[in-house]
Amino acid sequence: MKNNLKHITILALFALAGALTFFCRVERHAQAKTINLSAIPTVIGEWRMVSQDTTLGAKEEKFLDDVLIRTYERPDGKRVMLAVAYGADQRKNFSIHLPEVCYKASGCNVTSVGRTAMSSPNLSLKQMVAKNPDGGVEAVQYWIVLGGKVVTSEFERKWKQAYWGTFGADAGGVLVRVSSLVGEGDYKKDYEVQKGFVKELHQSLPVILGGQLFAD
């Protein structure tokens, strides 16, 4: 009986070691790749870029490898802001700051709305509403891609970060955020507008960049 237990224990340890080695190799193949955010078109369907903020990129240079912030406008005057942040190494510190943190740091009152899903593209988006100090209300949705996969929960994000930190695997991280000012207080309408923009963004991207931002 004791010998059988000993053999089972040894086999279990070998199996565990094999599994860890396998997963470590898999994650090591998810090496950070260069990402070309400037390849995002200035015209996305019926949306046209009307402004681009280049100051944040310089300010966050030591934390991020690339950042893009643009405002797009529809023919009827509706505007959507697109923000994309990329960090090549997410092992020790999640260099991409979550929108909740950034909005609160700027003095906004942030309310989490929950999650929603899109089928085309296949995405899980986090939703929140930010009330600016001047009284303006902004509807915000975002998603995160880590190691080529969309992360759907805070637990999964932290688990992956801890895993990479333990085994020394490299993996890039991308955060994509869309937001818009709520005109009449109905932020749900803005979420639908943003989803339409995200769909057209997905369709307009080069194949490689689409895979990096949407984990296609």
C-alpha atoms as a PDB file:
ATOM      1  CA  MET A   1       0.000   0.000   0.000  1.00  0.00           C
ATOM      2  CA  LYS A   2       2.786   2.406   0.962  1.00  0.00           C
ATOM      3  CA  ASN A   3       4.749   1.510  -2.177  1.00  0.00           C
ATOM      4  CA  ASN A   4       1.704   2.179  -4.350  1.00  0.00           C
ATOM      5  CA  LEU A   5       1.182   5.549  -2.675  1.00  0.00           C
ATOM      6  CA  LYS A   6       4.840   6.379  -3.199  1.00  0.00           C
ATOM      7  CA  HIS A   7       4.647   5.468  -6.881  1.00  0.00           C
ATOM      8  CA  ILE A   8       1.484   7.536  -7.338  1.00  0.00           C
ATOM      9  CA  THR A   9       3.125  10.522  -5.652  1.00  0.00           C
ATOM     10  CA  ILE A  10       6.202  10.260  -7.872  1.00  0.00           C
ATOM     11  CA  LEU A  11       4.063   9.975 -11.014  1.00  0.00           C
ATOM     12  CA  ALA A  12       1.995  12.972  -9.937  1.00  0.00           C
ATOM     13  CA  LEU A  13       5.137  15.050  -9.424  1.00  0.00           C
ATOM     14  CA  PHE A  14       6.460  14.062 -12.854  1.00  0.00           C
ATOM     15  CA  ALA A  15       3.095  14.911 -14.420  1.00  0.00           C
ATOM     16  CA  LEU A  16       3.054  18.289 -12.687  1.00  0.00           C
ATOM     17  CA  ALA A  17       6.590  19.056 -13.783  1.00  0.00           C
ATOM     18  CA  GLY A  18       5.750  18.048 -17.342  1.00  0.00           C
ATOM     19  CA  ALA A  19       2.647  20.224 -17.380  1.00  0.00           C
ATOM     20  CA  LEU A  20       4.532  23.231 -16.037  1.00  0.00           C
ATOM     21  CA  THR A  21       7.271  22.757 -18.614  1.00  0.00           C
ATOM     22  CA  PHE A  22       4.710  22.499 -21.397  1.00  0.00           C
ATOM     23  CA  PHE A  23       2.800  25.602 -20.390  1.00  0.00           C
ATOM     24  CA  CYS A  24       6.013  27.504 -19.852  1.00  0.00           C
ATOM     25  CA  ARG A  25       7.106  26.646 -23.391  1.00  0.00           C
ATOM     26  CA  VAL A  26       3.724  27.692 -24.751  1.00  0.00           C
ATOM     27  CA  GLU A  27       3.903  31.049 -22.987  1.00  0.00           C
ATOM     28  CA  ARG A  28       7.504  31.564 -24.070  1.00  0.00           C
ATOM     29  CA  HIS A  29       6.354  31.310 -27.675  1.00  0.00           C
ATOM     30  CA  ALA A  30       3.956  34.190 -26.981  1.00  0.00           C
ATOM     31  CA  GLN A  31       6.867  36.587 -27.283  1.00  0.00           C
ATOM     32  CA  ALA A  32       6.162  40.280 -27.454  1.00  0.00           C
ATOM     33  CA  LYS A  33       5.939  41.466 -31.045  1.00  0.00           C
ATOM     34  CA  THR A  34       6.339  44.964 -32.352  1.00  0.00           C
ATOM     35  CA  ILE A  35       3.027  46.651 -32.906  1.00  0.00           C
ATOM     36  CA  ASN A  36       2.381  49.420 -35.410  1.00  0.00           C
ATOM     37  CA  LEU A  37      -0.439  51.550 -34.018  1.00  0.00           C
ATOM     38  CA  SER A  38       0.104  54.169 -36.711  1.00  0.00           C
ATOM     39  CA  ALA A  39      -1.344  51.622 -39.156  1.00  0.00           C
ATOM     40  CA  ILE A  40      -4.788  52.229 -37.671  1.00  0.00           C
ATOM     41  CA  PRO A  41      -6.622  54.083 -40.471  1.00  0.00           C
ATOM     42  CA  THR A  42      -7.624  57.711 -40.094  1.00  0.00           C
ATOM     43  CA  VAL A  43     -10.871  56.824 -41.886  1.00  0.00           C
ATOM     44  CA  ILE A  44     -12.871  53.954 -40.373  1.00  0.00           C
ATOM     45  CA  GLY A  45     -16.103  53.325 -42.224  1.00  0.00           C
ATOM     46  CA  GLU A  46     -18.090  56.537 -41.922  1.00  0.00           C
ATOM     47  CA  TRP A  47     -15.838  57.811 -39.134  1.00  0.00           C
ATOM     48  CA  ARG A  48     -13.022  60.276 -39.845  1.00  0.00           C
ATOM     49  CA  MET A  49     -10.189  61.259 -37.523  1.00  0.00           C
ATOM     50  CA  VAL A  50     -10.509  64.887 -36.426  1.00  0.00           C
ATOM     51  CA  SER A  51      -7.716  65.048 -33.838  1.00  0.00           C
ATOM     52  CA  GLN A  52      -4.833  63.070 -32.381  1.00  0.00           C
ATOM     53  CA  ASP A  53      -3.187  63.568 -28.980  1.00  0.00           C
ATOM     54  CA  THR A  54       0.564  63.072 -29.134  1.00  0.00           C
ATOM     55  CA  THR A  55       1.436  64.458 -25.691  1.00  0.00           C
ATOM     56  CA  LEU A  56       0.416  61.421 -23.615  1.00  0.00           C
ATOM     57  CA  GLY A  57       2.775  59.153 -25.518  1.00  0.00           C
ATOM     58  CA  ALA A  58       5.783  61.211 -24.461  1.00  0.00           C
ATOM     59  CA  LYS A  59       4.561  61.470 -20.875  1.00  0.00           C
ATOM     60  CA  GLU A  60       4.071  57.720 -20.507  1.00  0.00           C
ATOM     61  CA  GLU A  61       7.116  56.721 -22.554  1.00  0.00           C
ATOM     62  CA  LYS A  62       8.854  54.963 -19.664  1.00  0.00           C
ATOM     63  CA  PHE A  63       5.758  52.846 -18.934  1.00  0.00           C
ATOM     64  CA  LEU A  64       4.478  52.035 -22.429  1.00  0.00           C
ATOM     65  CA  ASP A  65       6.070  51.011 -25.700  1.00  0.00           C
ATOM     66  CA  ASP A  66       3.423  52.695 -27.826  1.00  0.00           C
ATOM     67  CA  VAL A  67       0.215  54.650 -27.325  1.00  0.00           C
ATOM     68  CA  LEU A  68      -2.337  56.158 -29.677  1.00  0.00           C
ATOM     69  CA  ILE A  69      -5.183  58.520 -28.814  1.00  0.00           C
ATOM     70  CA  ARG A  70      -7.486  59.772 -31.552  1.00  0.00           C
ATOM     71  CA  THR A  71     -10.919  61.315 -31.866  1.00  0.00           C
ATOM     72  CA  TYR A  72     -13.132  60.208 -34.746  1.00  0.00           C
ATOM     73  CA  GLU A  73     -16.260  61.986 -35.962  1.00  0.00           C
ATOM     74  CA  ARG A  74     -19.309  60.726 -37.805  1.00  0.00           C
ATOM     75  CA  PRO A  75     -21.031  62.867 -40.494  1.00  0.00           C
ATOM     76  CA  ASP A  76     -23.798  63.760 -38.009  1.00  0.00           C
ATOM     77  CA  GLY A  77     -21.230  65.215 -35.602  1.00  0.00           C
ATOM     78  CA  LYS A  78     -21.112  62.326 -33.106  1.00  0.00           C
ATOM     79  CA  ARG A  79     -17.607  61.742 -31.794  1.00  0.00           C
ATOM     80  CA  VAL A  80     -15.842  58.678 -30.384  1.00  0.00           C
ATOM     81  CA  MET A  81     -12.415  58.662 -28.779  1.00  0.00           C
ATOM     82  CA  LEU A  82     -10.123  55.703 -29.456  1.00  0.00           C
ATOM     83  CA  ALA A  83      -7.204  55.022 -27.112  1.00  0.00           C
ATOM     84  CA  VAL A  84      -4.793  52.116 -27.608  1.00  0.00           C
ATOM     85  CA  ALA A  85      -1.918  51.397 -25.214  1.00  0.00           C
ATOM     86  CA  TYR A  86       0.746  48.731 -25.763  1.00  0.00           C
ATOM     87  CA  GLY A  87       3.311  47.350 -23.317  1.00  0.00           C
ATOM     88  CA  ALA A  88       5.773  44.744 -24.580  1.00  0.00           C
ATOM     89  CA  ASP A  89       6.507  43.076 -21.233  1.00  0.00           C
ATOM     90  CA  GLN A  90       3.710  42.441 -18.748  1.00  0.00           C
ATOM     91  CA  ARG A  91       5.598  40.136 -16.379  1.00  0.00           C
ATOM     92  CA  LYS A  92       6.381  42.292 -13.358  1.00  0.00           C
ATOM     93  CA  ASN A  93       4.165  45.343 -13.606  1.00  0.00           C
ATOM     94  CA  PHE A  94       1.050  45.766 -15.638  1.00  0.00           C
ATOM     95  CA  SER A  95       2.348  48.892 -17.339  1.00  0.00           C
ATOM     96  CA  ILE A  96      -0.985  49.485 -19.069  1.00  0.00           C
ATOM     97  CA  HIS A  97      -3.020  51.393 -16.506  1.00  0.00           C
ATOM     98  CA  LEU A  98      -6.667  50.394 -16.303  1.00  0.00           C
ATOM     99  CA  PRO A  99      -9.141  53.130 -17.345  1.00  0.00           C
ATOM    100  CA  GLU A 100     -10.783  53.099 -13.909  1.00  0.00           C
ATOM    101  CA  VAL A 101      -7.462  54.106 -12.352  1.00  0.00           C
ATOM    102  CA  CYS A 102      -6.710  56.803 -14.923  1.00  0.00           C
ATOM    103  CA  TYR A 103     -10.166  58.407 -14.739  1.00  0.00           C
ATOM    104  CA  LYS A 104     -10.175  58.441 -10.937  1.00  0.00           C
ATOM    105  CA  ALA A 105      -6.695  59.960 -10.924  1.00  0.00           C
ATOM    106  CA  SER A 106      -7.988  62.802 -13.118  1.00  0.00           C
ATOM    107  CA  GLY A 107     -10.761  63.555 -10.608  1.00  0.00           C
ATOM    108  CA  CYS A 108     -13.649  61.691 -12.224  1.00  0.00           C
ATOM    109  CA  ASN A 109     -16.330  59.778 -10.358  1.00  0.00           C
ATOM    110  CA  VAL A 110     -16.275  56.299 -11.884  1.00  0.00           C
ATOM    111  CA  THR A 111     -19.150  53.806 -11.864  1.00  0.00           C
ATOM    112  CA  SER A 112     -18.701  50.260 -13.137  1.00  0.00           C
ATOM    113  CA  VAL A 113     -21.584  49.117 -15.342  1.00  0.00           C
ATOM    114  CA  GLY A 114     -20.449  45.533 -15.897  1.00  0.00           C
ATOM    115  CA  ARG A 115     -19.544  43.564 -19.000  1.00  0.00           C
ATOM    116  CA  THR A 116     -21.040  43.117 -22.406  1.00  0.00           C
ATOM    117  CA  ALA A 117     -20.268  40.888 -25.369  1.00  0.00           C
ATOM    118  CA  MET A 118     -19.945  41.362 -29.103  1.00  0.00           C
ATOM    119  CA  SER A 119     -20.196  38.583 -31.653  1.00  0.00           C
ATOM    120  CA  SER A 120     -18.603  40.398 -34.583  1.00  0.00           C
ATOM    121  CA  PRO A 121     -15.833  40.714 -33.572  1.00  0.00           C
ATOM    122  CA  ASN A 122     -15.936  38.191 -30.745  1.00  0.00           C
ATOM    123  CA  LEU A 123     -15.197  40.372 -27.722  1.00  0.00           C
ATOM    124  CA  SER A 124     -15.939  40.780 -24.038  1.00  0.00           C
ATOM    125  CA  LEU A 125     -15.895  44.476 -23.111  1.00  0.00           C
ATOM    126  CA  LYS A 126     -15.759  46.129 -19.699  1.00  0.00           C
ATOM    127  CA  GLN A 127     -18.194  49.051 -19.341  1.00  0.00           C
ATOM    128  CA  MET A 128     -17.990  52.056 -17.042  1.00  0.00           C
ATOM    129  CA  VAL A 129     -19.349  55.587 -16.744  1.00  0.00           C
ATOM    130  CA  ALA A 130     -17.142  58.504 -15.728  1.00  0.00           C
ATOM    131  CA  LYS A 131     -18.541  61.795 -14.444  1.00  0.00           C
ATOM    132  CA  ASN A 132     -16.051  64.579 -15.053  1.00  0.00           C
ATOM    133  CA  PRO A 133     -15.428  67.333 -12.481  1.00  0.00           C
ATOM    134  CA  ASP A 134     -17.120  69.807 -14.850  1.00  0.00           C
ATOM    135  CA  GLY A 135     -20.286  67.703 -14.846  1.00  0.00           C
ATOM    136  CA  GLY A 136     -19.825  66.002 -18.206  1.00  0.00           C
ATOM    137  CA  VAL A 137     -20.594  62.290 -18.451  1.00  0.00           C
ATOM    138  CA  GLU A 138     -18.468  59.900 -20.486  1.00  0.00           C
ATOM    139  CA  ALA A 139     -19.457  56.371 -21.480  1.00  0.00           C
ATOM    140  CA  VAL A 140     -16.417  54.070 -21.646  1.00  0.00           C
ATOM    141  CA  GLN A 141     -15.834  50.529 -22.896  1.00  0.00           C
ATOM    142  CA  TYR A 142     -12.545  48.660 -23.124  1.00  0.00           C
ATOM    143  CA  TRP A 143     -10.917  45.283 -23.527  1.00  0.00           C
ATOM    144  CA  ILE A 144      -7.457  43.862 -22.849  1.00  0.00           C
ATOM    145  CA  VAL A 145      -5.384  41.422 -24.896  1.00  0.00           C
ATOM    146  CA  LEU A 146      -2.561  39.627 -23.066  1.00  0.00           C
ATOM    147  CA  GLY A 147      -0.272  37.164 -24.772  1.00  0.00           C
ATOM    148  CA  GLY A 148      -2.527  37.087 -27.818  1.00  0.00           C
ATOM    149  CA  LYS A 149      -5.725  36.328 -25.865  1.00  0.00           C
ATOM    150  CA  VAL A 150      -8.571  38.549 -24.709  1.00  0.00           C
ATOM    151  CA  VAL A 151      -8.634  38.706 -20.908  1.00  0.00           C
ATOM    152  CA  THR A 152     -12.178  38.663 -19.605  1.00  0.00           C
ATOM    153  CA  SER A 153     -11.685  39.193 -15.883  1.00  0.00           C
ATOM    154  CA  GLU A 154      -9.435  40.934 -13.381  1.00  0.00           C
ATOM    155  CA  PHE A 155      -8.604  37.550 -11.821  1.00  0.00           C
ATOM    156  CA  GLU A 156      -7.410  36.189 -15.172  1.00  0.00           C
ATOM    157  CA  ARG A 157      -5.290  39.293 -15.771  1.00  0.00           C
ATOM    158  CA  LYS A 158      -3.561  39.005 -12.400  1.00  0.00           C
ATOM    159  CA  TRP A 159      -3.124  35.247 -12.737  1.00  0.00           C
ATOM    160  CA  LYS A 160      -1.421  35.613 -16.110  1.00  0.00           C
ATOM    161  CA  GLN A 161       0.789  38.393 -14.792  1.00  0.00           C
ATOM    162  CA  ALA A 162       1.864  36.216 -11.848  1.00  0.00           C
ATOM    163  CA  TYR A 163       2.443  33.234 -14.142  1.00  0.00           C
ATOM    164  CA  TRP A 164       4.650  35.166 -16.537  1.00  0.00           C
ATOM    165  CA  GLY A 165       6.554  36.708 -13.642  1.00  0.00           C
ATOM    166  CA  THR A 166       7.214  33.271 -12.133  1.00  0.00           C
ATOM    167  CA  PHE A 167       8.375  31.514 -15.292  1.00  0.00           C
ATOM    168  CA  GLY A 168      10.020  34.490 -16.967  1.00  0.00           C
ATOM    169  CA  ALA A 169       7.929  34.272 -20.126  1.00  0.00           C
ATOM    170  CA  ASP A 170       7.557  37.384 -22.242  1.00  0.00           C
ATOM    171  CA  ALA A 171       4.107  38.501 -23.352  1.00  0.00           C
ATOM    172  CA  GLY A 172       2.853  41.802 -24.655  1.00  0.00           C
ATOM    173  CA  GLY A 173      -0.309  43.517 -23.515  1.00  0.00           C
ATOM    174  CA  VAL A 174      -2.727  45.761 -25.382  1.00  0.00           C
ATOM    175  CA  LEU A 175      -5.566  47.834 -23.961  1.00  0.00           C
ATOM    176  CA  VAL A 176      -8.143  49.246 -26.370  1.00  0.00           C
ATOM    177  CA  ARG A 177     -10.584  51.860 -25.076  1.00  0.00           C
ATOM    178  CA  VAL A 178     -13.472  53.588 -26.793  1.00  0.00           C
ATOM    179  CA  SER A 179     -15.396  56.412 -25.153  1.00  0.00           C
ATOM    180  CA  SER A 180     -17.811  59.219 -25.934  1.00  0.00           C
ATOM    181  CA  LEU A 181     -19.562  62.079 -24.180  1.00  0.00           C
ATOM    182  CA  VAL A 182     -23.144  61.266 -23.269  1.00  0.00           C
ATOM    183  CA  GLY A 183     -25.456  63.844 -24.805  1.00  0.00           C
ATOM    184  CA  GLU A 184     -28.733  63.320 -22.968  1.00  0.00           C
ATOM    185  CA  GLY A 185     -27.694  61.137 -20.070  1.00  0.00           C
ATOM    186  CA  ASP A 186     -28.518  57.838 -21.797  1.00  0.00           C
ATOM    187  CA  TYR A 187     -25.133  56.142 -21.816  1.00  0.00           C
ATOM    188  CA  LYS A 188     -26.603  52.897 -23.207  1.00  0.00           C
ATOM    189  CA  LYS A 189     -27.126  54.567 -26.586  1.00  0.00           C
ATOM    190  CA  ASP A 190     -23.488  55.595 -26.595  1.00  0.00           C
ATOM    191  CA  TYR A 191     -22.411  52.026 -25.918  1.00  0.00           C
ATOM    192  CA  GLU A 192     -24.250  50.894 -29.043  1.00  0.00           C
ATOM    193  CA  VAL A 193     -22.647  53.671 -31.098  1.00  0.00           C
ATOM    194  CA  GLN A 194     -19.247  52.614 -29.805  1.00  0.00           C
ATOM    195  CA  LYS A 195     -19.893  48.970 -30.669  1.00  0.00           C
ATOM    196  CA  GLY A 196     -20.672  50.035 -34.225  1.00  0.00           C
ATOM    197  CA  PHE A 197     -17.371  51.904 -34.313  1.00  0.00           C
ATOM    198  CA  VAL A 198     -15.492  48.880 -32.912  1.00  0.00           C
ATOM    199  CA  LYS A 199     -17.024  46.642 -35.586  1.00  0.00           C
ATOM    200  CA  GLU A 200     -15.903  48.999 -38.353  1.00  0.00           C
ATOM    201  CA  LEU A 201     -12.468  49.340 -36.724  1.00  0.00           C
ATOM    202  CA  HIS A 202     -12.070  45.573 -36.751  1.00  0.00           C
ATOM    203  CA  GLN A 203     -13.016  45.394 -40.428  1.00  0.00           C
ATOM    204  CA  SER A 204     -10.652  48.193 -41.436  1.00  0.00           C
ATOM    205  CA  LEU A 205      -7.427  46.978 -39.794  1.00  0.00           C
ATOM    206  CA  PRO A 206      -4.573  45.173 -41.542  1.00  0.00           C
ATOM    207  CA  VAL A 207      -4.607  41.441 -40.758  1.00  0.00           C
ATOM    208  CA  ILE A 208      -1.572  41.460 -38.430  1.00  0.00           C
ATOM    209  CA  LEU A 209      -2.702  44.501 -36.452  1.00  0.00           C
ATOM    210  CA  GLY A 210      -6.233  43.125 -36.256  1.00  0.00           C
ATOM    211  CA  GLY A 211      -4.857  39.970 -34.678  1.00  0.00           C
ATOM    212  CA  GLN A 212      -2.925  42.004 -32.105  1.00  0.00           C
ATOM    213  CA  LEU A 213      -5.808  44.260 -31.090  1.00  0.00           C
ATOM    214  CA  PHE A 214      -8.630  41.726 -31.313  1.00  0.00           C
ATOM    215  CA  ALA A 215      -6.802  38.414 -30.773  1.00  0.00           C
ATOM    216  CA  ASP A 216      -8.218  37.101 -34.061  1.00  0.00           C
END
